[in-house]
């Protein structure tokens, strides 16, 4: 169940590291999800998390 919370509360749940599901959509809106075991916080205002993908693990 998802729950919307403030960023300061959400960031406390980042560690220990969690698995993330990122979703990209093609030009027709078709979703292509990928599971990611590594993320990095890059900004708290606005809230942003960075991920890295390798071309051979295609998700686009």
Foldseek 3Di string as FASTA:
>chain_A
DDDDDQLVVVVVVPPVPDKDWDWDADPVRDIFIDIDRDWAFDDVVVTDIDDDDDVVVDHD
